[in-house]
Amino acid sequence: MSPGGYEEWGASGSLRVAPDPSGRGLSLSLTPSWGAQGQSGRLWGAAPGSLAGAGGTDKGGQPGVRLDTELGYGLSLSGGLTGTPYAGLGLGEADARDWRLGLRFSSDRLRSFSLGVEATRREAANDNGAGKAGHGVMVSGAIRW
């Protein structure tokens, strides 16, 4: 046990089907995670494009289980751009359900450029629709050099 009586444990894995190097074609990811992780573990363990990636604990304090999935397909656009529409779902025993829809853009000429927009709906996992759902929109971009 760590100082102060606090400890964390967790495990996760990932299965990915990646598109060709240009980003065109089918992409699929499946990421299960088990165990308890605090907020820093959630940040570093997050699935790409999501901060909902790590398992938590259920209401009884027992280690939780979480599954994050994403399915996308990269399409050729004009000017050497690739557009990838995608959908994702995150499920957890004690966490919320996260539904995601988005579109990412990347360039063949500028491999260090990406731009994306994503809409998210978060629902309580075991609430049977009685609670209010949260909605969000995220715009992201990156230029690497």
Protein backbone atom coordinates (compact mmCIF):
# COMPACT_ATOMS: atom_id res chain seq x y z
CA MET A 1 0.00 0.00 0.00
CA SER A 2 1.27 3.48 -0.78
CA PRO A 3 1.82 6.27 1.80
CA GLY A 4 -1.43 7.65 3.16
CA GLY A 5 -3.32 4.39 2.49
CA TYR A 6 -3.99 5.24 -1.17
CA GLU A 7 -3.33 2.91 -4.07
CA GLU A 8 -4.55 2.34 -7.63
CA TRP A 9 -4.44 -0.57 -10.00
CA GLY A 10 -5.63 -1.06 -13.52
CA ALA A 11 -5.12 -2.96 -16.74
CA SER A 12 -6.11 -2.25 -20.30
CA GLY A 13 -5.46 -3.55 -23.77
CA SER A 14 -6.22 -2.47 -27.28
CA LEU A 15 -7.13 -4.10 -30.56
CA ARG A 16 -6.78 -1.90 -33.65
CA VAL A 17 -7.39 -2.25 -37.35
CA ALA A 18 -5.53 0.63 -38.97
CA PRO A 19 -6.06 2.12 -42.43
CA ASP A 20 -3.27 2.42 -44.99
CA PRO A 21 -0.47 4.98 -44.36
CA SER A 22 -2.47 7.76 -46.07
CA GLY A 23 -5.27 7.26 -43.51
CA ARG A 24 -7.70 5.95 -46.13
CA GLY A 25 -9.78 2.87 -45.46
CA LEU A 26 -11.34 1.17 -42.47
CA SER A 27 -10.21 1.93 -38.93
CA LEU A 28 -11.49 0.13 -35.86
CA SER A 29 -10.39 0.21 -32.24
CA LEU A 30 -11.59 -1.78 -29.25
CA THR A 31 -10.12 -0.90 -25.84
CA PRO A 32 -11.25 -2.70 -22.68
CA SER A 33 -9.96 -1.57 -19.28
CA TRP A 34 -10.27 -3.01 -15.79
CA GLY A 35 -9.51 -1.65 -12.35
CA ALA A 36 -9.60 1.59 -10.45
CA GLN A 37 -7.78 4.67 -11.66
CA GLY A 38 -7.83 8.22 -10.33
CA GLN A 39 -8.10 11.36 -12.41
CA SER A 40 -4.46 11.33 -13.55
CA GLY A 41 -4.84 7.69 -14.64
CA ARG A 42 -7.98 8.62 -16.59
CA LEU A 43 -6.07 11.38 -18.40
CA TRP A 44 -3.08 9.23 -19.40
CA GLY A 45 -5.20 6.13 -20.09
CA ALA A 46 -7.72 7.90 -22.31
CA ALA A 47 -8.52 6.58 -25.74
CA PRO A 48 -7.46 8.85 -28.63
CA GLY A 49 -9.89 11.73 -28.89
CA SER A 50 -11.56 10.93 -25.57
CA LEU A 51 -11.02 11.51 -21.89
CA ALA A 52 -13.41 8.72 -21.01
CA GLY A 53 -10.97 5.88 -21.55
CA ALA A 54 -10.06 4.47 -18.15
CA GLY A 55 -12.09 2.23 -15.88
CA GLY A 56 -13.34 3.59 -12.60
CA THR A 57 -14.98 2.02 -9.60
CA ASP A 58 -18.59 1.08 -9.17
CA LYS A 59 -20.82 2.58 -6.45
CA GLY A 60 -19.61 -0.03 -3.97
CA GLY A 61 -15.97 0.96 -4.51
CA GLN A 62 -15.19 -2.24 -6.44
CA PRO A 63 -12.93 -2.07 -9.49
CA GLY A 64 -14.81 -1.16 -12.64
CA VAL A 65 -14.79 -2.37 -16.22
CA ARG A 66 -14.95 -0.10 -19.27
CA LEU A 67 -15.03 -0.70 -23.03
CA ASP A 68 -14.31 2.00 -25.62
CA THR A 69 -14.84 1.44 -29.33
CA GLU A 70 -14.40 3.55 -32.45
CA LEU A 71 -15.21 2.79 -36.09
CA GLY A 72 -14.20 5.08 -38.96
CA TYR A 73 -13.47 5.13 -42.67
CA GLY A 74 -10.91 7.43 -44.33
CA LEU A 75 -12.04 8.88 -47.67
CA SER A 76 -10.01 10.68 -50.33
CA LEU A 77 -10.97 14.34 -50.72
CA SER A 78 -9.68 16.92 -53.19
CA GLY A 79 -6.28 18.53 -52.75
CA GLY A 80 -4.69 15.50 -51.11
CA LEU A 81 -6.93 15.68 -48.03
CA THR A 82 -8.30 12.63 -46.25
CA GLY A 83 -11.60 12.94 -44.38
CA THR A 84 -12.46 10.32 -41.79
CA PRO A 85 -16.00 10.19 -40.44
CA TYR A 86 -16.18 8.07 -37.28
CA ALA A 87 -18.49 6.93 -34.50
CA GLY A 88 -17.52 5.80 -31.04
CA LEU A 89 -19.12 4.33 -27.95
CA GLY A 90 -17.77 4.08 -24.41
CA LEU A 91 -19.49 1.76 -21.91
CA GLY A 92 -18.78 1.31 -18.22
CA GLU A 93 -20.39 -0.45 -15.28
CA ALA A 94 -20.44 2.66 -13.08
CA ASP A 95 -19.43 5.31 -15.60
CA ALA A 96 -21.61 7.02 -18.14
CA ARG A 97 -22.22 5.87 -21.70
CA ASP A 98 -20.44 8.14 -24.16
CA TRP A 99 -21.75 8.32 -27.74
CA ARG A 100 -19.40 10.13 -30.15
CA LEU A 101 -19.69 11.21 -33.79
CA GLY A 102 -16.93 13.08 -35.53
CA LEU A 103 -14.96 13.99 -38.61
CA ARG A 104 -11.16 14.22 -38.84
CA PHE A 105 -9.15 15.76 -41.68
CA SER A 106 -5.51 15.09 -42.51
CA SER A 107 -3.26 15.94 -45.45
CA ASP A 108 -1.11 13.72 -47.66
CA ARG A 109 1.28 16.62 -48.28
CA LEU A 110 1.50 17.81 -44.69
CA ARG A 111 1.68 14.67 -42.57
CA SER A 112 2.02 16.88 -39.51
CA PHE A 113 -1.41 18.52 -39.98
CA SER A 114 -4.76 17.36 -38.60
CA LEU A 115 -8.10 18.99 -37.83
CA GLY A 116 -11.23 17.48 -36.32
CA VAL A 117 -14.68 18.11 -34.89
CA GLU A 118 -16.57 15.76 -32.56
CA ALA A 119 -20.03 15.77 -30.94
CA THR A 120 -20.56 13.79 -27.73
CA ARG A 121 -23.62 12.67 -25.79
CA ARG A 122 -23.07 11.35 -22.25
CA GLU A 123 -25.79 9.36 -20.48
CA ALA A 124 -25.79 7.73 -17.05
CA ALA A 125 -25.06 4.04 -17.54
CA ASN A 126 -27.66 2.57 -15.19
CA ASP A 127 -30.18 5.39 -15.12
CA ASN A 128 -32.64 3.92 -17.67
CA GLY A 129 -33.11 7.35 -19.26
CA ALA A 130 -34.43 9.04 -16.09
CA GLY A 131 -31.46 11.43 -15.81
CA LYS A 132 -30.46 14.23 -18.10
CA ALA A 133 -27.92 13.60 -20.82
CA GLY A 134 -24.94 15.90 -21.31
CA HIS A 135 -23.91 17.12 -24.75
CA GLY A 136 -20.65 18.60 -26.00
CA VAL A 137 -18.78 19.63 -29.11
CA MET A 138 -14.99 19.51 -29.41
CA VAL A 139 -12.87 21.07 -32.15
CA SER A 140 -9.22 19.98 -32.28
CA GLY A 141 -6.25 20.70 -34.46
CA ALA A 142 -2.56 19.87 -34.55
CA ILE A 143 0.49 21.05 -36.45
CA ARG A 144 3.71 19.22 -35.65
CA TRP A 145 7.19 20.33 -36.62
